Amino acid sequence: MLPRVALIILGLLVIAIVGIGVWFYTGGPFKVWRHQTTTGATYMKSLKESDAPPWIDRTKRLLAEWNPSLHPIGAYGLGGKPIPVDLQQLGIIRIDILEDQVRYVWMGGMDHTELEVDRLPDGSFRFIAHYNDAQSEVIWPKRPNQAMEPTASRRTTQLPMNSILQSAPTRALARGSSSLSR
């Protein structure tokens, strides 16, 4: 009797492990997040010069709503006002409104995917595509030979870590050379 029960338990464990493995392989709990990130990145990479004026007009209307008492994160979506239908169709789940910036968010929280539209001091606008926390680029206005590079706001969070990582080997070398000179 005991070997039969053990075999049944072992069989159920194997089925459970294989089932969970297949579930994770086919996307698992992160499938929706990957879809949101991919949808946003694909759309932002497809934006053309002719797409800028409607986004600027929309951003101007949203910036007119800003006031100091407005909770900027999720002004639209996440319990705020409903997201306009045309933006829902693009997969945008949240709109953040700051004093001189509007963020159209496809994915927030774990790995941000968002189109950031900034109103510059001269009244012009700049579009920054944040594909994830590590990859951002200015997509409008384009500069000649523009390559994907971290923007200033993302660079500030990366610099302290980079300086720590770069200085660690230097400190190790210094410790090693001081022990050699003894």
Protein backbone atom coordinates (compact mmCIF):
# COMPACT_ATOMS: atom_id res chain seq x y z
CA MET A 1 0.00 0.00 0.00
CA LEU A 2 2.79 2.44 0.93
CA PRO A 3 4.68 2.10 -2.40
CA ARG A 4 1.46 2.84 -4.33
CA VAL A 5 0.81 6.03 -2.32
CA ALA A 6 4.42 7.09 -2.77
CA LEU A 7 4.19 6.53 -6.54
CA ILE A 8 0.95 8.52 -6.74
CA ILE A 9 2.49 11.41 -4.77
CA LEU A 10 5.64 11.28 -6.92
CA GLY A 11 3.50 11.28 -10.08
CA LEU A 12 1.50 14.28 -8.90
CA LEU A 13 4.70 16.16 -8.06
CA VAL A 14 6.15 15.46 -11.52
CA ILE A 15 2.92 16.61 -13.19
CA ALA A 16 2.87 19.78 -11.06
CA ILE A 17 6.53 20.60 -11.79
CA VAL A 18 6.12 20.01 -15.53
CA GLY A 19 2.89 22.05 -15.56
CA ILE A 20 4.50 24.98 -13.77
CA GLY A 21 7.49 24.79 -16.11
CA VAL A 22 5.25 24.89 -19.18
CA TRP A 23 3.26 27.77 -17.68
CA PHE A 24 6.43 29.83 -17.13
CA TYR A 25 7.80 28.88 -20.56
CA THR A 26 4.62 30.12 -22.27
CA GLY A 27 4.72 33.45 -20.46
CA GLY A 28 3.48 32.73 -16.99
CA PRO A 29 2.58 35.66 -14.78
CA PHE A 30 4.77 38.11 -16.73
CA LYS A 31 3.22 37.58 -20.16
CA VAL A 32 0.90 40.58 -19.83
CA TRP A 33 3.76 42.81 -18.67
CA ARG A 34 5.98 41.77 -21.57
CA HIS A 35 3.10 42.43 -23.95
CA GLN A 36 2.60 45.94 -22.53
CA THR A 37 6.32 46.73 -22.75
CA THR A 38 6.57 45.41 -26.31
CA THR A 39 3.43 47.27 -27.40
CA GLY A 40 4.72 50.58 -26.04
CA ALA A 41 8.24 50.17 -27.43
CA THR A 42 6.93 49.20 -30.86
CA TYR A 43 4.60 52.19 -30.99
CA MET A 44 7.26 54.67 -29.85
CA LYS A 45 9.77 53.34 -32.39
CA SER A 46 7.17 53.78 -35.14
CA LEU A 47 6.48 57.47 -34.41
CA LYS A 48 7.20 59.78 -37.35
CA GLU A 49 7.70 63.53 -37.63
CA SER A 50 4.07 63.88 -38.74
CA ASP A 51 2.87 62.23 -35.50
CA ALA A 52 4.36 64.96 -33.30
CA PRO A 53 1.73 67.74 -33.69
CA PRO A 54 -1.23 65.67 -32.38
CA TRP A 55 0.85 64.53 -29.38
CA ILE A 56 1.91 68.13 -28.71
CA ASP A 57 -1.72 69.34 -28.87
CA ARG A 58 -2.84 66.57 -26.50
CA THR A 59 0.03 67.36 -24.14
CA LYS A 60 -0.83 71.08 -24.13
CA ARG A 61 -4.44 70.24 -23.16
CA LEU A 62 -3.24 67.95 -20.36
CA LEU A 63 -0.66 70.46 -19.07
CA ALA A 64 -3.46 73.02 -18.81
CA GLU A 65 -5.07 70.71 -16.21
CA TRP A 66 -1.98 70.71 -13.98
CA ASN A 67 -2.13 72.48 -10.63
CA PRO A 68 0.05 72.08 -7.52
CA SER A 69 -2.62 70.07 -5.69
CA LEU A 70 -2.94 67.52 -8.52
CA HIS A 71 -1.56 64.10 -7.67
CA PRO A 72 0.66 63.70 -10.77
CA ILE A 73 0.98 59.90 -10.91
CA GLY A 74 -2.14 58.42 -12.42
CA ALA A 75 -4.02 61.66 -13.10
CA TYR A 76 -5.66 59.50 -15.76
CA GLY A 77 -6.02 55.79 -15.06
CA LEU A 78 -5.31 54.09 -11.71
CA GLY A 79 -8.33 55.63 -10.03
CA GLY A 80 -7.97 59.01 -11.72
CA LYS A 81 -9.96 60.20 -14.71
CA PRO A 82 -10.64 57.60 -17.41
CA ILE A 83 -8.02 57.33 -20.13
CA PRO A 84 -9.27 58.62 -23.52
CA VAL A 85 -10.38 55.80 -25.82
CA ASP A 86 -7.79 56.54 -28.52
CA LEU A 87 -4.98 56.17 -25.96
CA GLN A 88 -6.54 53.01 -24.51
CA GLN A 89 -6.44 51.53 -28.00
CA LEU A 90 -2.68 52.17 -28.06
CA GLY A 91 -2.37 50.19 -24.82
CA ILE A 92 -1.68 53.17 -22.55
CA ILE A 93 -2.69 52.34 -18.98
CA ARG A 94 -1.85 55.58 -17.16
CA ILE A 95 -1.17 59.26 -17.80
CA ASP A 96 0.98 61.26 -15.37
CA ILE A 97 0.76 65.06 -15.47
CA LEU A 98 3.56 67.12 -13.96
CA GLU A 99 4.14 70.87 -14.24
CA ASP A 100 6.01 70.76 -17.57
CA GLN A 101 5.81 67.08 -18.44
CA VAL A 102 3.24 64.48 -19.39
CA ARG A 103 4.05 60.77 -19.30
CA TYR A 104 1.98 58.35 -21.36
CA VAL A 105 2.61 55.03 -19.61
CA TRP A 106 2.34 51.55 -21.10
CA MET A 107 4.14 49.82 -18.24
CA GLY A 108 4.91 51.23 -14.82
CA GLY A 109 6.27 49.82 -11.62
CA MET A 110 8.63 46.95 -12.44
CA ASP A 111 10.08 48.22 -15.71
CA HIS A 112 8.84 51.56 -17.03
CA THR A 113 7.75 51.87 -20.65
CA GLU A 114 6.50 55.37 -21.33
CA LEU A 115 6.49 58.27 -23.75
CA GLU A 116 7.61 61.37 -21.88
CA VAL A 117 6.67 64.68 -23.50
CA ASP A 118 8.46 67.65 -21.96
CA ARG A 119 7.58 71.32 -22.43
CA LEU A 120 10.92 73.09 -22.60
CA PRO A 121 11.53 76.62 -21.24
CA ASP A 122 11.41 78.09 -24.77
CA GLY A 123 7.90 76.63 -25.30
CA SER A 124 9.01 73.84 -27.62
CA PHE A 125 8.52 70.15 -26.87
CA ARG A 126 10.78 67.11 -26.59
CA PHE A 127 9.69 63.47 -26.77
CA ILE A 128 11.68 60.90 -24.83
CA ALA A 129 10.91 57.22 -25.31
CA HIS A 130 11.64 55.16 -22.21
CA TYR A 131 11.62 51.57 -23.48
CA ASN A 132 12.60 50.20 -20.06
CA ASP A 133 14.58 51.47 -17.08
CA ALA A 134 17.88 51.06 -18.93
CA GLN A 135 17.04 52.24 -22.47
CA SER A 136 15.78 55.72 -23.32
CA GLU A 137 16.21 58.00 -26.27
CA VAL A 138 15.06 61.38 -27.48
CA ILE A 139 12.82 60.55 -30.42
CA TRP A 140 11.73 64.08 -31.30
CA PRO A 141 13.21 66.38 -32.37
CA LYS A 142 15.76 64.06 -33.95
CA ARG A 143 19.41 65.00 -34.04
CA PRO A 144 21.66 63.91 -36.91
CA ASN A 145 23.29 60.49 -36.29
CA GLN A 146 21.29 60.09 -33.09
CA ALA A 147 22.04 56.85 -31.28
CA MET A 148 20.12 55.33 -28.40
CA GLU A 149 21.62 56.65 -25.20
CA PRO A 150 20.50 57.12 -21.60
CA THR A 151 18.89 60.52 -21.02
CA ALA A 152 20.00 62.85 -18.25
CA SER A 153 17.25 61.89 -15.80
CA ARG A 154 18.04 58.18 -16.12
CA ARG A 155 21.78 58.86 -16.14
CA THR A 156 21.63 60.46 -12.67
CA THR A 157 20.35 57.22 -11.18
CA GLN A 158 22.94 55.19 -13.05
CA LEU A 159 26.02 57.30 -12.26
CA PRO A 160 26.34 56.52 -8.54
CA MET A 161 26.18 52.80 -9.24
CA ASN A 162 28.64 53.04 -12.13
CA SER A 163 31.14 54.98 -10.02
CA ILE A 164 30.86 52.39 -7.26
CA LEU A 165 31.39 49.55 -9.71
CA GLN A 166 34.29 51.28 -11.43
CA SER A 167 36.03 52.23 -8.22
CA ALA A 168 35.82 48.72 -6.72
CA PRO A 169 38.50 47.22 -9.03
CA THR A 170 40.68 50.28 -8.45
CA ARG A 171 40.44 49.84 -4.67
CA ALA A 172 41.21 46.15 -5.02
CA LEU A 173 44.26 46.92 -7.14
CA ALA A 174 45.40 49.53 -4.63
CA ARG A 175 45.06 47.03 -1.79
CA GLY A 176 46.95 44.41 -3.80
CA SER A 177 49.80 46.76 -4.69
CA SER A 178 50.15 48.01 -1.11
CA SER A 179 50.48 44.45 0.13
CA LEU A 180 53.13 43.79 -2.52
CA SER A 181 55.20 46.79 -1.46
CA ARG A 182 55.45 45.50 2.13
